[in-house]
Protein backbone atom coordinates (compact mmCIF):
# COMPACT_ATOMS: atom_id res chain seq x y z
CA MET A 1 -57.11 55.31 7.46
CA SER A 2 -54.59 56.68 4.97
CA LEU A 3 -51.39 54.78 4.22
CA LYS A 4 -49.31 57.57 5.73
CA SER A 5 -51.28 57.59 8.99
CA PHE A 6 -51.22 53.75 9.15
CA LYS A 7 -47.45 53.75 8.72
CA SER A 8 -47.06 56.49 11.33
CA ASP A 9 -49.28 54.60 13.79
CA LEU A 10 -47.36 51.35 13.22
CA LEU A 11 -43.99 52.99 13.78
CA GLU A 12 -45.18 54.74 16.93
CA LYS A 13 -46.16 51.37 18.41
CA ARG A 14 -42.94 49.60 17.46
CA VAL A 15 -40.27 52.27 17.93
CA GLN A 16 -39.31 54.06 21.15
CA ILE A 17 -36.98 57.09 21.31
CA ILE A 18 -35.18 58.02 24.54
CA THR A 19 -32.86 60.97 25.14
CA THR A 20 -30.38 61.13 28.03
CA ASP A 21 -27.50 63.28 29.16
CA MET A 22 -23.93 62.01 28.78
CA SER A 23 -24.17 60.07 32.06
CA GLY A 24 -27.25 58.15 30.87
CA LYS A 25 -29.88 60.05 32.92
CA VAL A 26 -33.22 60.10 30.99
CA THR A 27 -34.28 63.59 29.83
CA ALA A 28 -37.22 62.46 27.60
CA SER A 29 -38.99 59.29 26.43
CA ASP A 30 -42.08 58.61 24.33
CA ASP A 31 -42.69 55.35 26.29
CA ALA A 32 -43.98 53.55 23.17
CA LEU A 33 -42.61 50.25 24.48
CA ILE A 34 -41.16 50.65 27.96
CA PRO A 35 -42.27 53.36 30.43
CA LEU A 36 -39.33 55.41 31.77
CA LYS A 37 -39.47 58.21 34.34
CA LYS A 38 -37.64 61.44 33.65
CA GLY A 39 -34.47 61.50 35.70
CA SER A 40 -34.15 57.69 35.85
CA ARG A 41 -30.99 56.11 34.51
CA LEU A 42 -30.85 54.17 31.22
CA GLN A 43 -28.45 51.76 32.90
CA ASP A 44 -31.21 50.76 35.34
CA LEU A 45 -33.31 49.51 32.43
CA ASP A 46 -30.82 46.75 31.70
CA PRO A 47 -27.15 46.02 32.57
CA PHE A 48 -26.53 46.03 28.81
CA PHE A 49 -26.44 49.85 28.86
CA GLU A 50 -23.95 49.90 31.71
CA ALA A 51 -21.18 48.84 29.36
CA ILE A 52 -22.43 50.56 26.21
CA VAL A 53 -23.13 54.17 27.32
CA PRO A 54 -19.46 54.97 28.10
CA LEU A 55 -18.50 53.94 24.55
CA LEU A 56 -20.37 56.79 22.88
CA SER A 57 -18.40 59.96 22.18
CA ALA A 58 -17.63 62.40 19.42
CA ASP A 59 -15.36 59.75 17.89
CA ALA A 60 -18.01 56.99 18.02
CA GLN A 61 -21.27 58.73 17.21
CA LEU A 62 -23.34 55.64 16.31
CA LEU A 63 -23.54 52.17 17.80
CA GLU A 64 -25.94 49.47 16.54
CA PHE A 65 -26.89 46.25 18.35
CA PRO A 66 -29.28 43.67 16.85
CA CYS A 67 -31.37 41.08 18.75
CA ILE A 68 -31.02 42.40 22.34
CA ASN A 69 -33.22 40.77 24.99
CA LEU A 70 -34.71 43.25 27.52
CA LYS A 71 -37.23 42.62 30.27
CA SER A 72 -39.55 45.25 31.74
CA ASP A 73 -42.41 44.64 34.22
CA GLU A 74 -42.48 40.91 33.39
CA GLN A 75 -42.71 41.70 29.65
CA GLU A 76 -39.90 40.51 27.46
CA PHE A 77 -38.74 42.28 24.31
CA VAL A 78 -36.31 41.36 21.56
CA LEU A 79 -35.00 44.68 20.23
CA ASP A 80 -32.64 46.17 17.71
CA ILE A 81 -30.99 49.13 19.49
CA GLU A 82 -29.27 52.23 18.09
CA LEU A 83 -27.32 54.62 20.30
CA ARG A 84 -26.47 58.03 18.81
CA TYR A 85 -24.35 60.92 20.07
CA GLY A 86 -25.19 64.54 19.27
CA ASP A 87 -25.14 68.04 20.79
CA GLY A 88 -24.03 66.83 24.19
CA GLU A 89 -26.78 64.25 24.60
CA LEU A 90 -27.40 60.57 23.87
CA ILE A 91 -30.30 59.24 21.81
CA ALA A 92 -31.40 55.62 22.25
CA ILE A 93 -33.75 54.20 19.59
CA LEU A 94 -35.44 50.88 20.42
CA TYR A 95 -36.93 48.90 17.49
CA ASP A 96 -39.35 46.17 18.58
CA PHE A 97 -38.75 42.98 16.54
CA THR A 98 -40.00 40.59 19.24
CA GLU A 99 -42.52 38.74 17.06
CA HIS A 100 -40.18 38.63 14.08
CA TYR A 101 -37.35 37.05 16.08
CA ARG A 102 -39.68 34.62 17.83
CA ARG A 103 -41.14 33.45 14.51
CA SER A 104 -37.73 33.11 12.87
CA HIS A 105 -36.02 31.57 15.91
CA PRO A 106 -37.14 27.95 15.22
CA VAL A 107 -35.96 28.24 11.59
CA VAL A 108 -32.64 29.79 12.61
CA GLN A 109 -32.28 27.24 15.42
CA GLU A 110 -32.92 24.34 13.03
CA LYS A 111 -30.44 25.77 10.53
CA ASN A 112 -27.84 26.20 13.26
CA GLU A 113 -28.44 22.69 14.56
CA ASN A 114 -28.13 21.26 11.04
CA THR A 115 -24.89 23.18 10.53
CA ILE A 116 -23.55 22.00 13.88
CA LEU A 117 -24.58 18.41 13.09
CA ALA A 118 -22.94 18.53 9.66
CA ASN A 119 -19.74 19.91 11.16
CA GLN A 120 -19.89 17.33 13.93
CA LEU A 121 -20.20 14.52 11.37
CA LEU A 122 -17.23 15.90 9.44
CA VAL A 123 -15.15 16.08 12.62
CA GLU A 124 -16.21 12.57 13.67
CA GLN A 125 -15.37 11.23 10.19
CA ALA A 126 -11.98 12.93 10.30
CA ILE A 127 -11.30 11.43 13.74
CA ALA A 128 -12.41 7.98 12.51
CA ASN A 129 -10.13 8.28 9.47
CA GLU A 130 -7.20 9.27 11.68
CA LYS A 131 -7.88 6.34 14.00
CA GLU A 132 -8.10 3.94 11.05
CA ALA A 133 -4.87 5.29 9.55
CA LEU A 134 -3.13 4.97 12.92
CA LYS A 135 -4.42 1.42 13.37
CA ASN A 136 -3.30 0.39 9.87
CA SER A 137 0.11 1.98 10.37
CA PHE A 138 0.50 0.17 13.70
CA LEU A 139 -0.52 -3.18 12.18
CA SER A 140 1.91 -2.71 9.30
CA LYS A 141 4.79 -1.91 11.66
CA LEU A 142 3.83 -4.75 14.01
CA SER A 143 3.79 -7.18 11.09
CA HIS A 144 7.21 -5.98 9.98
CA GLU A 145 8.73 -6.32 13.44
CA LEU A 146 7.31 -9.83 13.98
CA ARG A 147 8.10 -11.21 10.53
CA LYS A 148 11.87 -10.92 10.93
CA PRO A 149 12.24 -13.19 14.01
CA LEU A 150 9.46 -15.47 12.74
CA GLY A 151 11.20 -15.74 9.38
CA ASN A 152 14.46 -16.74 11.07
CA MET A 153 12.73 -19.32 13.25
CA MET A 154 10.84 -20.91 10.35
CA GLY A 155 13.95 -20.86 8.16
CA PHE A 156 16.02 -22.83 10.65
CA VAL A 157 13.07 -25.18 11.34
CA ASN A 158 12.93 -25.98 7.62
CA LEU A 159 16.68 -26.61 7.58
CA LEU A 160 16.39 -28.87 10.63
CA GLN A 161 13.71 -30.95 8.90
CA ASP A 162 16.26 -31.98 6.28
CA SER A 163 18.85 -33.01 8.89
CA ASN A 164 19.30 -36.35 10.66
CA LEU A 165 16.77 -36.35 13.51
CA ASN A 166 15.36 -39.20 15.56
CA TYR A 167 11.60 -39.86 15.75
CA ASP A 168 10.95 -37.77 18.90
CA GLN A 169 12.91 -34.81 17.54
CA THR A 170 11.02 -34.99 14.24
CA GLU A 171 7.65 -34.99 16.01
CA MET A 172 8.62 -32.04 18.23
CA LEU A 173 9.89 -30.15 15.20
CA LYS A 174 6.54 -30.72 13.49
CA ILE A 175 4.79 -29.05 16.44
CA VAL A 176 7.18 -26.07 16.29
CA ARG A 177 6.60 -25.78 12.53
CA GLN A 178 2.80 -25.94 12.89
CA THR A 179 2.94 -23.23 15.57
CA GLY A 180 5.08 -21.04 13.33
CA LEU A 181 2.69 -21.51 10.40
CA HIS A 182 -0.21 -20.53 12.66
CA LEU A 183 1.63 -17.35 13.72
CA GLU A 184 2.31 -16.56 10.07
CA GLU A 185 -1.39 -16.93 9.23
CA LEU A 186 -2.34 -14.58 12.10
CA LEU A 187 0.14 -12.00 10.83
CA ASN A 188 -1.30 -12.29 7.32
CA ASP A 189 -4.82 -11.84 8.72
CA LEU A 190 -3.84 -8.73 10.69
CA LEU A 191 -2.19 -7.13 7.70
CA ASP A 192 -4.99 -8.09 5.31
CA ILE A 193 -7.67 -6.59 7.59
CA SER A 194 -5.88 -3.24 7.37
CA LYS A 195 -5.40 -3.63 3.59
CA ILE A 196 -9.10 -4.36 3.05
CA SER A 197 -10.16 -1.33 5.13
CA GLU A 198 -7.74 0.83 3.10
CA GLY A 199 -8.94 -0.67 -0.18
CA THR A 200 -5.40 -1.76 -1.10
CA LEU A 201 -5.86 -5.55 -1.09
CA HIS A 202 -5.98 -6.74 -4.71
CA LEU A 203 -7.00 -10.22 -5.80
CA LYS A 204 -4.88 -12.34 -8.12
CA ASN A 205 -6.36 -14.10 -11.15
CA VAL A 206 -4.15 -17.11 -11.80
CA SER A 207 -4.53 -20.79 -12.65
CA PHE A 208 -4.35 -23.22 -9.76
CA LYS A 209 -5.41 -26.71 -8.72
CA MET A 210 -7.86 -27.21 -5.87
CA LYS A 211 -5.98 -30.44 -5.06
CA ASP A 212 -2.95 -28.30 -4.12
CA VAL A 213 -5.13 -26.23 -1.78
CA THR A 214 -6.59 -29.28 -0.05
CA LYS A 215 -3.14 -30.88 0.28
CA HIS A 216 -1.89 -27.71 2.02
CA LEU A 217 -4.85 -27.86 4.43
CA HIS A 218 -4.30 -31.56 5.12
CA ASP A 219 -0.60 -31.01 5.86
CA MET A 220 -1.38 -28.04 8.09
CA PHE A 221 -4.14 -29.61 10.24
CA SER A 222 -3.31 -33.34 10.31
CA LEU A 223 -1.05 -32.91 13.34
CA LYS A 224 -3.67 -30.83 15.18
CA ALA A 225 -6.31 -33.50 14.45
CA LYS A 226 -3.98 -36.20 15.77
CA THR A 227 -3.11 -34.17 18.90
CA LYS A 228 -6.78 -33.37 19.74
CA ARG A 229 -7.91 -36.86 18.67
CA ILE A 230 -10.45 -35.36 16.30
CA GLU A 231 -11.29 -36.88 12.93
CA PHE A 232 -10.42 -34.51 10.07
CA GLU A 233 -11.74 -35.25 6.60
CA ILE A 234 -11.50 -33.35 3.32
CA ASN A 235 -14.00 -34.36 0.65
CA LEU A 236 -13.14 -32.91 -2.77
CA ARG A 237 -15.99 -33.91 -5.09
CA ASP A 238 -15.19 -35.42 -8.50
CA ASN A 239 -17.16 -32.74 -10.35
CA VAL A 240 -14.84 -29.93 -9.14
CA PRO A 241 -12.79 -28.78 -12.18
CA PRO A 242 -9.12 -29.80 -11.87
CA ILE A 243 -7.91 -26.32 -12.89
CA LEU A 244 -9.50 -23.06 -11.73
CA ILE A 245 -8.71 -19.40 -12.30
CA GLY A 246 -8.83 -17.21 -9.19
CA ASP A 247 -6.80 -16.31 -6.13
CA PRO A 248 -5.55 -19.52 -4.44
CA ILE A 249 -3.88 -17.58 -1.60
CA ARG A 250 -7.20 -16.03 -0.53
CA VAL A 251 -9.04 -19.34 -0.93
CA LYS A 252 -6.48 -20.97 1.37
CA GLN A 253 -6.80 -18.10 3.84
CA ILE A 254 -10.59 -18.46 4.01
CA LEU A 255 -10.47 -22.24 4.45
CA ILE A 256 -7.60 -22.18 6.96
CA ASN A 257 -9.53 -19.78 9.19
CA LEU A 258 -12.78 -21.75 8.92
CA VAL A 259 -11.10 -25.09 9.63
CA ASP A 260 -9.05 -23.58 12.46
CA ASN A 261 -12.23 -22.12 13.96
CA ALA A 262 -13.89 -25.54 13.74
CA PHE A 263 -10.98 -27.19 15.58
CA LYS A 264 -11.04 -24.54 18.31
CA ASN A 265 -14.72 -25.15 18.99
CA THR A 266 -14.68 -28.95 18.76
CA PRO A 267 -13.46 -30.88 21.84
CA LYS A 268 -14.29 -34.26 20.27
CA GLY A 269 -15.85 -35.72 17.17
CA LYS A 270 -15.17 -34.59 13.61
CA VAL A 271 -14.28 -31.64 11.39
CA LEU A 272 -15.29 -31.99 7.74
CA LEU A 273 -14.40 -29.84 4.74
CA ASP A 274 -16.61 -30.62 1.75
CA ILE A 275 -15.94 -28.94 -1.63
CA SER A 276 -18.53 -29.26 -4.40
CA VAL A 277 -19.86 -27.45 -7.47
CA ASP A 278 -22.69 -25.03 -6.76
CA TYR A 279 -23.36 -24.23 -10.42
CA SER A 280 -21.40 -24.30 -13.67
CA ARG A 281 -21.86 -22.68 -17.07
CA ALA A 282 -19.36 -22.12 -19.90
CA LYS A 283 -16.23 -20.58 -18.34
CA LYS A 284 -17.88 -19.79 -14.99
CA VAL A 285 -18.19 -22.02 -11.96
CA SER A 286 -19.24 -21.45 -8.36
CA LEU A 287 -17.83 -23.75 -5.70
CA ARG A 288 -19.45 -24.45 -2.35
CA PHE A 289 -17.06 -24.89 0.58
CA SER A 290 -18.75 -26.40 3.61
CA VAL A 291 -16.88 -26.63 6.93
CA SER A 292 -18.84 -28.50 9.59
CA ASP A 293 -17.94 -29.64 13.09
CA THR A 294 -19.47 -31.51 16.01
CA GLY A 295 -18.45 -28.87 18.56
CA TYR A 296 -20.08 -26.54 21.05
CA GLY A 297 -22.34 -24.72 18.61
CA ILE A 298 -23.38 -21.06 18.70
CA LYS A 299 -26.43 -19.44 20.30
CA ASP A 300 -28.96 -17.92 17.90
CA ALA A 301 -28.53 -14.52 19.58
CA GLU A 302 -24.82 -14.52 18.75
CA LEU A 303 -24.94 -15.71 15.12
CA SER A 304 -25.36 -12.15 13.80
CA ASN A 305 -22.22 -10.95 15.64
CA ILE A 306 -19.67 -13.66 14.87
CA PHE A 307 -18.21 -11.83 11.86
CA ASP A 308 -17.54 -8.63 13.81
CA SER A 309 -13.96 -7.59 14.56
CA TYR A 310 -12.45 -9.31 17.60
CA TYR A 311 -15.82 -10.87 18.60
CA GLN A 312 -15.69 -14.09 20.59
CA ILE A 313 -18.69 -16.18 21.53
CA ASP A 314 -19.77 -16.84 25.11
CA LYS A 315 -16.77 -18.28 26.97
CA LEU A 316 -19.06 -20.31 29.25
CA LEU A 317 -20.60 -22.01 26.22
CA SER A 318 -17.39 -22.34 24.22
CA PRO A 319 -14.22 -22.13 26.37
CA THR A 320 -11.96 -21.70 23.32
CA GLU A 321 -8.62 -20.09 22.90
CA GLY A 322 -8.13 -17.65 20.06
CA GLN A 323 -7.67 -14.17 18.76
CA GLY A 324 -11.16 -13.50 17.40
CA LEU A 325 -9.83 -12.44 13.98
CA GLY A 326 -10.47 -15.52 11.85
CA LEU A 327 -14.15 -15.11 11.04
CA LYS A 328 -13.76 -11.37 10.46
CA ILE A 329 -11.10 -11.91 7.78
CA VAL A 330 -13.19 -14.73 6.25
CA ASP A 331 -16.20 -12.44 5.91
CA ASP A 332 -14.08 -9.64 4.42
CA LEU A 333 -12.35 -11.94 1.90
CA VAL A 334 -15.60 -13.60 0.81
CA LYS A 335 -17.19 -10.21 0.13
CA LEU A 336 -14.04 -9.06 -1.70
CA GLN A 337 -14.38 -12.05 -4.05
CA LYS A 338 -18.10 -11.37 -4.56
CA GLY A 339 -19.01 -14.59 -2.77
CA LYS A 340 -21.53 -15.48 -0.09
CA ILE A 341 -21.25 -16.95 3.39
CA LYS A 342 -23.86 -18.36 5.74
CA VAL A 343 -23.78 -20.28 8.99
CA LYS A 344 -26.04 -22.79 10.69
CA SER A 345 -25.51 -23.89 14.26
CA LYS A 346 -27.18 -25.70 17.11
CA VAL A 347 -25.91 -25.51 20.67
CA GLY A 348 -24.33 -28.78 21.72
CA GLU A 349 -24.42 -30.28 18.22
CA GLY A 350 -21.99 -28.18 16.19
CA SER A 351 -21.83 -25.60 13.42
CA GLN A 352 -21.68 -25.49 9.64
CA PHE A 353 -20.14 -22.62 7.69
CA GLU A 354 -20.95 -22.55 3.99
CA VAL A 355 -19.04 -20.34 1.55
CA SER A 356 -19.81 -19.91 -2.16
CA LEU A 357 -17.06 -18.44 -4.36
CA PRO A 358 -17.04 -17.76 -8.12
CA PHE A 359 -14.15 -18.89 -10.35
CA GLU A 360 -13.33 -19.10 -14.01
CA VAL A 361 -12.51 -22.37 -15.76
CA PRO A 362 -10.16 -22.53 -18.77
CA LEU A 363 -11.94 -24.02 -21.79
CA ARG A 364 -8.86 -26.00 -22.65
CA GLU A 365 -6.24 -27.41 -20.38
CA GLU A 366 -3.38 -24.97 -20.31
CA LYS A 367 -0.21 -26.16 -22.01
CA LYS A 368 2.81 -26.27 -19.81
CA PRO A 369 5.55 -23.96 -21.04
CA ALA A 370 8.54 -25.70 -22.58
CA ARG A 371 11.25 -26.37 -20.06
CA LYS A 372 14.24 -24.17 -20.27
CA LYS A 373 17.65 -25.69 -20.04
CA ALA A 374 18.52 -26.42 -16.43
CA ILE A 375 21.36 -24.53 -14.84
CA ASP A 376 24.61 -26.39 -15.04
CA VAL A 377 25.60 -27.17 -11.47
CA ASP A 378 29.21 -26.58 -12.42
CA GLU A 379 28.35 -22.97 -13.26
CA ARG A 380 28.41 -21.30 -9.85
CA ILE A 381 25.88 -18.53 -9.33
CA ARG A 382 27.57 -15.54 -7.72
CA VAL A 383 25.22 -13.97 -5.19
CA LEU A 384 25.58 -10.76 -3.15
CA CYS A 385 23.43 -10.74 0.00
CA VAL A 386 22.68 -7.24 1.32
CA ASP A 387 21.30 -7.63 4.86
CA ASP A 388 22.38 -6.20 8.22
CA ALA A 389 20.80 -8.92 10.43
CA GLU A 390 23.25 -11.63 11.47
CA LEU A 391 20.62 -14.37 11.83
CA ASP A 392 19.16 -13.57 8.40
CA GLN A 393 22.65 -13.77 6.87
CA MET A 394 23.34 -17.11 8.58
CA LEU A 395 20.00 -18.55 7.43
CA ILE A 396 20.52 -17.50 3.80
CA MET A 397 24.08 -18.78 3.83
CA LYS A 398 23.03 -22.23 5.12
CA ILE A 399 20.23 -22.48 2.54
CA LEU A 400 22.61 -21.64 -0.31
CA ILE A 401 25.44 -23.83 0.97
CA ASN A 402 23.06 -26.80 0.84
CA GLU A 403 22.53 -26.11 -2.86
CA GLY A 404 26.26 -26.33 -3.50
CA PHE A 405 26.36 -24.33 -6.74
CA ILE A 406 25.84 -20.87 -5.29
CA SER A 407 28.62 -18.70 -3.87
CA MET A 408 27.75 -15.71 -1.68
CA ASP A 409 29.28 -12.47 -0.43
CA LEU A 410 27.79 -10.37 2.37
CA ALA A 411 27.14 -6.62 2.63
CA LEU A 412 25.71 -4.98 5.77
CA HIS A 413 24.16 -1.99 3.99
CA GLY A 414 23.66 -0.39 0.58
CA GLU A 415 26.89 1.64 0.55
CA MET A 416 28.97 -1.44 1.33
CA ALA A 417 27.14 -3.36 -1.41
CA LEU A 418 27.92 -0.65 -4.00
CA GLN A 419 31.60 -0.81 -3.06
CA LEU A 420 31.64 -4.60 -3.54
CA ILE A 421 29.86 -4.29 -6.89
CA ASP A 422 32.62 -1.94 -8.07
CA LEU A 423 35.17 -4.67 -7.32
CA LYS A 424 33.30 -7.82 -8.41
CA THR A 425 30.54 -8.95 -10.76
CA TYR A 426 27.47 -10.67 -9.31
CA ASP A 427 24.78 -12.72 -11.06
CA VAL A 428 22.03 -12.06 -8.49
CA ILE A 429 21.61 -9.64 -5.59
CA LEU A 430 19.55 -10.61 -2.52
CA LEU A 431 18.28 -7.43 -0.89
CA ASP A 432 16.58 -6.56 2.39
CA LEU A 433 14.69 -3.23 2.19
CA ASP A 434 15.16 -2.26 5.84
CA LEU A 435 18.85 -1.30 5.90
CA PRO A 436 20.98 1.27 7.76
CA ILE A 437 22.95 4.09 6.04
CA LEU A 438 21.42 3.43 2.59
CA ASN A 439 18.07 1.64 2.62
CA GLY A 440 16.96 -0.92 0.05
CA ILE A 441 14.89 1.40 -2.15
CA GLU A 442 17.64 4.04 -2.35
CA PHE A 443 20.16 1.29 -3.11
CA LEU A 444 17.95 0.06 -5.97
CA LYS A 445 17.73 3.57 -7.41
CA ARG A 446 21.52 3.92 -7.32
CA LEU A 447 21.92 0.44 -8.82
CA ARG A 448 19.57 1.16 -11.72
CA SER A 449 21.19 4.55 -12.45
CA GLU A 450 24.51 2.92 -13.40
CA ARG A 451 24.91 1.36 -16.85
CA LYS A 452 27.04 -1.49 -15.49
CA THR A 453 24.43 -2.59 -12.93
CA LYS A 454 21.24 -1.44 -14.62
CA LYS A 455 20.08 -4.98 -15.41
CA VAL A 456 21.54 -6.99 -12.53
CA PRO A 457 18.72 -9.23 -11.19
CA VAL A 458 17.57 -8.38 -7.66
CA VAL A 459 15.53 -10.63 -5.37
CA VAL A 460 14.01 -8.76 -2.42
CA LEU A 461 13.86 -10.64 0.91
CA THR A 462 12.00 -8.50 3.42
CA ALA A 463 9.66 -8.39 6.40
CA MET A 464 7.93 -5.34 4.86
CA ALA A 465 4.77 -7.03 3.60
CA GLY A 466 2.81 -3.93 2.58
CA VAL A 467 1.70 -3.77 -1.05
CA GLU A 468 3.03 -0.19 -1.29
CA TYR A 469 6.58 -1.41 -0.59
CA GLN A 470 6.29 -4.16 -3.18
CA LYS A 471 4.99 -1.79 -5.87
CA GLU A 472 7.80 0.67 -5.19
CA ALA A 473 10.39 -2.09 -5.49
CA GLU A 474 8.79 -3.60 -8.61
CA ALA A 475 8.84 -0.19 -10.28
CA LEU A 476 12.64 -0.34 -9.96
CA GLY A 477 12.87 -3.63 -11.83
CA ILE A 478 13.24 -6.43 -9.28
CA SER A 479 13.00 -10.12 -10.25
CA ALA A 480 11.08 -11.34 -7.17
CA TYR A 481 9.65 -10.06 -3.87
CA LEU A 482 9.73 -12.65 -1.07
CA THR A 483 8.14 -11.78 2.27
CA LYS A 484 9.60 -13.26 5.44
CA PRO A 485 9.08 -15.99 6.47
CA TYR A 486 9.70 -17.80 3.17
CA GLN A 487 10.45 -21.42 2.33
CA PRO A 488 14.07 -22.33 1.41
CA LYS A 489 12.86 -23.76 -1.91
CA GLU A 490 11.16 -20.42 -2.69
CA LEU A 491 14.46 -18.61 -2.27
CA VAL A 492 16.39 -21.10 -4.41
CA LYS A 493 13.68 -21.00 -7.08
CA ALA A 494 13.76 -17.18 -7.14
CA ILE A 495 17.57 -17.13 -7.47
CA LYS A 496 17.49 -19.63 -10.36
CA ALA A 497 14.74 -17.69 -12.14
CA ALA A 498 16.63 -14.42 -11.70
CA PHE A 499 19.83 -16.06 -12.97
CA LYS A 500 18.06 -17.22 -16.14
CA GLU A 501 16.80 -13.65 -16.74
CA ARG A 502 20.30 -12.20 -16.83
């Protein structure tokens, strides 16, 4: 068979030509694919033609439609269809691509499914990012709103401690203080979880003494141990270096949460914190922190879930109170410091959490900087407090009055503060960032733009604990950034340091 005849034979089997009048009545058909009687209507072949035939006219002489499914006498076709207009008649050309479309359909389907899946993953990721951003924004705002009243409460509690109280009042005040410290730790945990997920929590690398950390833990949990009648012991081994380089705040946070978790799950018996050297070489040391208890214990099936967000173990096994955040923040902070954590537990006998953290050790004991001349108490430090909250103003005023060598003026917002600065000279400005009319950041910008006030020391006192707020304020040359609640001695220390910098 010649190539020409083969091609002609192939086309005859795969292409059908139909002519109709303008109404769609068949005038001729070669029936290569679908048999059609003369005089039958094209529209009867398939409803597809019902809508298409009226579209053809002298203005639209050619219409093309790929991949059209038609069924005739139980046989299905997948066709490319052309409809042409000419000399008062319609010409329908049917191209049979049934096998081609059927072979390519799985490939096309897979490609489409992959495209849909990829788009779905992108959409899901975008939704997850939006949810995470919303959660972090909510936690940041919640922290800010809670820190202000908590800061006032803790400030007045600290002032009360230094007043003349009888034994019962002192003991009750201790309970209030411990509760406030616990609330503060929960707020820090909430905020830090959002910071870690955003990648904005940065570790400090400073010198500190592990004895100071253990003293803080002893002070914080001794009352709880006494109240629950549980023995609480801290064993700081002799081989632990006296001075370490790392982030003491995060170390405290990890240990506070582990010890607090142990107390929650221990109705009687003992909670032990043991601190020892894991390994040591040159300037590097790894410490092992072991927190063990004689409490309820944890089922093997639940050990793998205890570090998940908001997870709490079986209430029937361990009827504890709590927020379910402590172990999550511990796990996050340990990983952030490139440490390791593991847990062993036996139901009815207790649990042991073991954390290993790396630190640096100074080769030589750091020399203490030479003491600067103390401030003469006769030289009164003139302070301007810029804060619109009455309780905050009262608290600051009482703290500074107790010092005796600090005088203070009040401004309710930034504009009022600028007016006072025009009239008087101040040694230190105490500034809340959340202010009406002119907020703290805008006030700082105005302050630094004037030659007269360009170098006036500013101590920020705020409930806005986010690192982004602190960086923005530090870029404008502040002396200190204290987050509410703060200790009275921290405020006095910051004012003195700022005064010396003048």
